[in-house]
Amino acid sequence: HVQLVESGGGSVQTGGSLRLSCTAATSPRNCMGWFRQAPGKGREGLAVIFTRPGDAMYADSVEGRFTISQDKAKNTAYLEMRDLRPEDTAMYYCAAEGLEAYCGGNYWGQGTQVTVS
């Protein structure tokens, strides 16, 4: 079982930036990913990073604005978000070791809220 804890959410103005963190209690062996869910909408996969060799993939909706990275020594994945827009407002979730797209389908964090106004 991999416990995940997200942090870094908050309120920001349009055009602003935030960095989300997701720390795993144990070292993920395969992947970590980021998702979001806005009110009344389904969960959307945003980005995934593979533990080895560190390749990353992004959803079209965020490519070029969001960057996923990892610090293996800290068991932590980051999501750097810039040029934020009101439509980025959502609860953001971290995932690990999943076999579905963007590493989903297995372990999840509790979420961190991002509000853009």
N, C-alpha and C. Protein backbone atom coordinates (compact mmCIF):
# COMPACT_ATOMS: atom_id res chain seq x y z
N HIS A 1 0.84 -1.19 0.00
CA HIS A 1 0.00 0.00 0.00
C HIS A 1 0.88 1.24 0.00
N VAL A 2 0.54 2.22 -0.86
CA VAL A 2 1.31 3.45 -0.96
C VAL A 2 0.44 4.60 -0.49
N GLN A 3 0.80 5.22 0.61
CA GLN A 3 0.07 6.39 1.08
C GLN A 3 0.64 7.64 0.42
N LEU A 4 -0.26 8.49 -0.05
CA LEU A 4 0.13 9.70 -0.76
C LEU A 4 -0.46 10.92 -0.05
N VAL A 5 0.33 11.97 0.07
CA VAL A 5 -0.13 13.20 0.68
C VAL A 5 0.21 14.36 -0.24
N GLU A 6 -0.84 15.08 -0.68
CA GLU A 6 -0.65 16.24 -1.54
C GLU A 6 -0.60 17.51 -0.70
N SER A 7 0.06 18.51 -1.25
CA SER A 7 0.07 19.84 -0.63
C SER A 7 0.36 20.86 -1.71
N GLY A 8 0.17 22.13 -1.35
CA GLY A 8 0.53 23.20 -2.27
C GLY A 8 -0.62 23.88 -2.96
N GLY A 9 -1.82 23.37 -2.75
CA GLY A 9 -2.96 24.03 -3.37
C GLY A 9 -3.26 25.37 -2.72
N GLY A 10 -4.16 26.10 -3.33
CA GLY A 10 -4.53 27.40 -2.78
C GLY A 10 -5.29 28.21 -3.80
N SER A 11 -5.43 29.49 -3.50
CA SER A 11 -6.13 30.42 -4.39
C SER A 11 -5.12 31.31 -5.08
N VAL A 12 -5.33 31.53 -6.36
CA VAL A 12 -4.40 32.32 -7.15
C VAL A 12 -5.19 33.08 -8.22
N GLN A 13 -4.65 34.19 -8.64
CA GLN A 13 -5.30 34.96 -9.69
C GLN A 13 -4.95 34.39 -11.06
N THR A 14 -5.80 34.70 -12.02
CA THR A 14 -5.55 34.27 -13.40
C THR A 14 -4.17 34.71 -13.85
N GLY A 15 -3.45 33.78 -14.46
CA GLY A 15 -2.09 34.05 -14.89
C GLY A 15 -1.03 33.69 -13.88
N GLY A 16 -1.46 33.34 -12.68
CA GLY A 16 -0.53 33.01 -11.62
C GLY A 16 0.01 31.59 -11.71
N SER A 17 0.81 31.23 -10.72
CA SER A 17 1.47 29.92 -10.69
C SER A 17 1.31 29.28 -9.32
N LEU A 18 1.35 27.96 -9.32
CA LEU A 18 1.36 27.18 -8.09
C LEU A 18 2.21 25.94 -8.32
N ARG A 19 2.77 25.42 -7.24
CA ARG A 19 3.46 24.14 -7.32
C ARG A 19 2.83 23.18 -6.31
N LEU A 20 2.32 22.09 -6.82
CA LEU A 20 1.76 21.04 -5.98
C LEU A 20 2.83 19.99 -5.70
N SER A 21 2.75 19.42 -4.51
CA SER A 21 3.65 18.35 -4.11
C SER A 21 2.86 17.12 -3.73
N CYS A 22 3.42 15.97 -3.99
CA CYS A 22 2.81 14.70 -3.59
C CYS A 22 3.93 13.83 -3.04
N THR A 23 3.84 13.53 -1.76
CA THR A 23 4.86 12.72 -1.12
C THR A 23 4.30 11.35 -0.80
N ALA A 24 5.03 10.33 -1.21
CA ALA A 24 4.64 8.96 -0.97
C ALA A 24 5.35 8.43 0.27
N ALA A 25 4.62 7.62 1.04
CA ALA A 25 5.22 7.06 2.26
C ALA A 25 6.30 6.04 1.92
N THR A 26 6.15 5.38 0.79
CA THR A 26 7.17 4.45 0.31
C THR A 26 7.52 4.80 -1.13
N SER A 27 8.66 4.39 -1.56
CA SER A 27 9.15 4.78 -2.87
C SER A 27 8.37 4.10 -3.98
N PRO A 28 7.65 4.87 -4.82
CA PRO A 28 6.96 4.25 -5.95
C PRO A 28 7.96 3.62 -6.90
N ARG A 29 7.63 2.46 -7.39
CA ARG A 29 8.56 1.77 -8.28
C ARG A 29 8.30 2.07 -9.74
N ASN A 30 7.07 2.47 -10.05
CA ASN A 30 6.72 2.59 -11.46
C ASN A 30 6.38 4.01 -11.91
N CYS A 31 5.41 4.64 -11.26
CA CYS A 31 4.96 5.93 -11.77
C CYS A 31 4.21 6.71 -10.71
N MET A 32 4.12 8.00 -10.95
CA MET A 32 3.25 8.90 -10.19
C MET A 32 2.56 9.82 -11.18
N GLY A 33 1.33 10.17 -10.87
CA GLY A 33 0.57 11.01 -11.80
C GLY A 33 -0.27 12.03 -11.07
N TRP A 34 -0.80 12.98 -11.85
CA TRP A 34 -1.67 14.02 -11.31
C TRP A 34 -2.99 14.02 -12.08
N PHE A 35 -4.06 14.19 -11.35
CA PHE A 35 -5.40 14.28 -11.89
C PHE A 35 -6.08 15.50 -11.27
N ARG A 36 -7.20 15.87 -11.85
CA ARG A 36 -8.03 16.89 -11.22
C ARG A 36 -9.50 16.58 -11.48
N GLN A 37 -10.33 17.12 -10.60
CA GLN A 37 -11.77 16.96 -10.77
C GLN A 37 -12.45 18.26 -10.38
N ALA A 38 -13.11 18.87 -11.35
CA ALA A 38 -13.86 20.09 -11.12
C ALA A 38 -15.29 19.72 -10.71
N PRO A 39 -15.98 20.61 -10.02
CA PRO A 39 -17.35 20.32 -9.60
C PRO A 39 -18.23 19.94 -10.79
N GLY A 40 -18.93 18.82 -10.66
CA GLY A 40 -19.84 18.39 -11.71
C GLY A 40 -19.18 17.73 -12.90
N LYS A 41 -17.87 17.51 -12.83
CA LYS A 41 -17.15 16.91 -13.95
C LYS A 41 -16.43 15.65 -13.49
N GLY A 42 -16.03 14.85 -14.45
CA GLY A 42 -15.29 13.64 -14.14
C GLY A 42 -13.84 13.93 -13.85
N ARG A 43 -13.14 12.91 -13.35
CA ARG A 43 -11.73 13.07 -13.06
C ARG A 43 -10.94 13.08 -14.37
N GLU A 44 -10.03 14.04 -14.45
CA GLU A 44 -9.24 14.26 -15.66
C GLU A 44 -7.77 13.98 -15.39
N GLY A 45 -7.16 13.12 -16.16
CA GLY A 45 -5.73 12.89 -16.05
C GLY A 45 -4.96 14.03 -16.66
N LEU A 46 -3.89 14.47 -15.97
CA LEU A 46 -3.14 15.63 -16.41
C LEU A 46 -1.71 15.29 -16.83
N ALA A 47 -1.03 14.52 -15.99
CA ALA A 47 0.39 14.27 -16.25
C ALA A 47 0.83 13.02 -15.51
N VAL A 48 1.83 12.38 -16.05
CA VAL A 48 2.41 11.20 -15.42
C VAL A 48 3.92 11.27 -15.59
N ILE A 49 4.62 10.78 -14.56
CA ILE A 49 6.07 10.64 -14.66
C ILE A 49 6.44 9.22 -14.26
N PHE A 50 7.27 8.59 -15.05
CA PHE A 50 7.68 7.23 -14.80
C PHE A 50 8.97 7.24 -13.98
N THR A 51 8.96 6.44 -12.93
CA THR A 51 10.07 6.46 -11.99
C THR A 51 11.40 6.25 -12.70
N ARG A 52 11.44 5.27 -13.58
CA ARG A 52 12.62 5.07 -14.41
C ARG A 52 12.16 4.93 -15.85
N PRO A 53 12.65 5.74 -16.77
CA PRO A 53 13.81 6.61 -16.65
C PRO A 53 13.48 8.08 -16.38
N GLY A 54 12.25 8.36 -15.95
CA GLY A 54 11.88 9.74 -15.66
C GLY A 54 11.15 10.43 -16.79
N ASP A 55 10.65 9.63 -17.76
CA ASP A 55 9.88 10.22 -18.85
C ASP A 55 8.55 10.75 -18.32
N ALA A 56 8.04 11.76 -18.96
CA ALA A 56 6.78 12.37 -18.57
C ALA A 56 5.85 12.49 -19.77
N MET A 57 4.56 12.46 -19.49
CA MET A 57 3.54 12.66 -20.51
C MET A 57 2.49 13.59 -19.96
N TYR A 58 1.84 14.35 -20.86
CA TYR A 58 0.87 15.35 -20.46
C TYR A 58 -0.40 15.27 -21.28
N ALA A 59 -1.49 15.67 -20.64
CA ALA A 59 -2.73 15.86 -21.38
C ALA A 59 -2.61 17.12 -22.22
N ASP A 60 -3.31 17.12 -23.35
CA ASP A 60 -3.27 18.28 -24.23
C ASP A 60 -3.71 19.56 -23.52
N SER A 61 -4.63 19.41 -22.58
CA SER A 61 -5.20 20.58 -21.91
C SER A 61 -4.18 21.34 -21.06
N VAL A 62 -3.08 20.68 -20.69
CA VAL A 62 -2.11 21.33 -19.80
C VAL A 62 -0.70 21.36 -20.36
N GLU A 63 -0.46 20.66 -21.46
CA GLU A 63 0.90 20.62 -22.00
C GLU A 63 1.38 22.02 -22.34
N GLY A 64 2.59 22.31 -21.91
CA GLY A 64 3.14 23.64 -22.13
C GLY A 64 2.93 24.58 -20.96
N ARG A 65 1.96 24.29 -20.10
CA ARG A 65 1.71 25.13 -18.92
C ARG A 65 2.06 24.41 -17.62
N PHE A 66 1.89 23.10 -17.59
CA PHE A 66 2.16 22.32 -16.39
C PHE A 66 3.39 21.46 -16.62
N THR A 67 4.19 21.28 -15.56
CA THR A 67 5.38 20.44 -15.63
C THR A 67 5.39 19.50 -14.43
N ILE A 68 5.53 18.21 -14.71
CA ILE A 68 5.64 17.22 -13.65
C ILE A 68 7.11 16.87 -13.48
N SER A 69 7.51 16.70 -12.24
CA SER A 69 8.89 16.32 -11.95
C SER A 69 8.90 15.44 -10.70
N GLN A 70 10.04 14.88 -10.40
CA GLN A 70 10.12 14.01 -9.23
C GLN A 70 11.46 14.18 -8.52
N ASP A 71 11.41 14.00 -7.21
CA ASP A 71 12.62 13.94 -6.40
C ASP A 71 12.60 12.56 -5.75
N LYS A 72 13.35 11.64 -6.32
CA LYS A 72 13.31 10.27 -5.86
C LYS A 72 13.79 10.15 -4.42
N ALA A 73 14.74 10.97 -4.04
CA ALA A 73 15.26 10.91 -2.68
C ALA A 73 14.21 11.25 -1.65
N LYS A 74 13.22 12.06 -2.06
CA LYS A 74 12.15 12.48 -1.15
C LYS A 74 10.85 11.75 -1.42
N ASN A 75 10.84 10.80 -2.37
CA ASN A 75 9.61 10.09 -2.76
C ASN A 75 8.51 11.08 -3.12
N THR A 76 8.88 12.14 -3.78
CA THR A 76 7.94 13.23 -4.03
C THR A 76 7.85 13.56 -5.51
N ALA A 77 6.62 13.76 -5.96
CA ALA A 77 6.37 14.26 -7.31
C ALA A 77 5.79 15.66 -7.19
N TYR A 78 6.13 16.48 -8.15
CA TYR A 78 5.66 17.87 -8.16
C TYR A 78 4.86 18.13 -9.44
N LEU A 79 3.95 19.07 -9.32
CA LEU A 79 3.27 19.57 -10.51
C LEU A 79 3.39 21.08 -10.49
N GLU A 80 4.25 21.60 -11.34
CA GLU A 80 4.43 23.03 -11.47
C GLU A 80 3.39 23.55 -12.46
N MET A 81 2.56 24.47 -12.02
CA MET A 81 1.48 24.98 -12.86
C MET A 81 1.67 26.48 -13.06
N ARG A 82 1.66 26.91 -14.29
CA ARG A 82 1.81 28.33 -14.58
C ARG A 82 0.72 28.78 -15.53
N ASP A 83 0.58 30.10 -15.67
CA ASP A 83 -0.46 30.67 -16.52
C ASP A 83 -1.83 30.05 -16.19
N LEU A 84 -2.13 30.01 -14.92
CA LEU A 84 -3.37 29.38 -14.49
C LEU A 84 -4.59 30.17 -14.94
N ARG A 85 -5.65 29.42 -15.22
CA ARG A 85 -6.89 29.98 -15.75
C ARG A 85 -8.04 29.57 -14.85
N PRO A 86 -9.15 30.29 -14.88
CA PRO A 86 -10.30 29.89 -14.04
C PRO A 86 -10.73 28.44 -14.29
N GLU A 87 -10.59 27.97 -15.51
CA GLU A 87 -11.00 26.59 -15.81
C GLU A 87 -10.05 25.55 -15.21
N ASP A 88 -8.94 25.98 -14.63
CA ASP A 88 -8.06 25.07 -13.92
C ASP A 88 -8.53 24.85 -12.48
N THR A 89 -9.55 25.57 -12.06
CA THR A 89 -10.09 25.39 -10.72
C THR A 89 -10.63 23.99 -10.55
N ALA A 90 -10.12 23.28 -9.55
CA ALA A 90 -10.51 21.88 -9.33
C ALA A 90 -9.83 21.37 -8.08
N MET A 91 -10.25 20.17 -7.67
CA MET A 91 -9.49 19.42 -6.68
C MET A 91 -8.44 18.62 -7.42
N TYR A 92 -7.21 18.71 -7.01
CA TYR A 92 -6.11 18.02 -7.67
C TYR A 92 -5.67 16.83 -6.83
N TYR A 93 -5.53 15.69 -7.50
CA TYR A 93 -5.20 14.44 -6.83
C TYR A 93 -3.90 13.86 -7.40
N CYS A 94 -3.15 13.26 -6.52
CA CYS A 94 -1.96 12.53 -6.90
C CYS A 94 -2.31 11.04 -6.97
N ALA A 95 -1.67 10.33 -7.88
CA ALA A 95 -1.86 8.89 -8.02
C ALA A 95 -0.50 8.21 -8.12
N ALA A 96 -0.48 6.93 -7.78
CA ALA A 96 0.78 6.19 -7.88
C ALA A 96 0.50 4.74 -8.22
N GLU A 97 1.45 4.19 -8.98
CA GLU A 97 1.50 2.76 -9.26
C GLU A 97 0.26 2.21 -9.93
N GLY A 98 -0.46 3.06 -10.66
CA GLY A 98 -1.63 2.56 -11.37
C GLY A 98 -1.28 2.04 -12.75
N LEU A 99 -2.16 1.26 -13.31
CA LEU A 99 -1.96 0.72 -14.65
C LEU A 99 -2.82 1.42 -15.68
N GLU A 100 -3.68 2.32 -15.23
CA GLU A 100 -4.52 3.09 -16.15
C GLU A 100 -3.74 4.32 -16.62
N ALA A 101 -4.35 5.06 -17.51
CA ALA A 101 -3.69 6.26 -18.04
C ALA A 101 -3.30 7.21 -16.93
N TYR A 102 -2.16 7.84 -17.08
CA TYR A 102 -1.63 8.80 -16.12
C TYR A 102 -1.43 8.19 -14.74
N CYS A 103 -1.19 6.90 -14.70
CA CYS A 103 -0.86 6.17 -13.46
C CYS A 103 -2.05 6.04 -12.52
N GLY A 104 -3.23 6.18 -13.04
CA GLY A 104 -4.41 6.09 -12.20
C GLY A 104 -4.84 4.65 -11.96
N GLY A 105 -5.80 4.51 -11.05
CA GLY A 105 -6.43 3.23 -10.84
C GLY A 105 -5.92 2.42 -9.68
N ASN A 106 -4.95 2.98 -8.91
CA ASN A 106 -4.42 2.19 -7.80
C ASN A 106 -4.43 3.02 -6.52
N TYR A 107 -3.39 3.75 -6.26
CA TYR A 107 -3.31 4.53 -5.03
C TYR A 107 -3.59 6.01 -5.32
N TRP A 108 -4.31 6.65 -4.38
CA TRP A 108 -4.71 8.05 -4.54
C TRP A 108 -4.44 8.83 -3.27
N GLY A 109 -4.12 10.10 -3.44
CA GLY A 109 -4.05 11.00 -2.31
C GLY A 109 -5.41 11.57 -1.99
N GLN A 110 -5.46 12.41 -0.97
CA GLN A 110 -6.74 12.95 -0.51
C GLN A 110 -7.16 14.18 -1.30
N GLY A 111 -6.26 14.75 -2.06
CA GLY A 111 -6.58 15.90 -2.89
C GLY A 111 -6.18 17.22 -2.26
N THR A 112 -5.91 18.19 -3.12
CA THR A 112 -5.62 19.55 -2.68
C THR A 112 -6.35 20.51 -3.63
N GLN A 113 -7.02 21.50 -3.07
CA GLN A 113 -7.87 22.38 -3.86
C GLN A 113 -7.06 23.49 -4.51
N VAL A 114 -7.34 23.73 -5.78
CA VAL A 114 -6.76 24.86 -6.51
C VAL A 114 -7.91 25.71 -7.01
N THR A 115 -7.87 26.99 -6.69
CA THR A 115 -8.91 27.91 -7.12
C THR A 115 -8.26 29.07 -7.84
N VAL A 116 -8.70 29.32 -9.06
CA VAL A 116 -8.16 30.40 -9.89
C VAL A 116 -9.28 31.39 -10.18
N SER A 117 -9.04 32.64 -9.84
CA SER A 117 -10.09 33.65 -10.07
C SER A 117 -9.52 34.88 -10.75
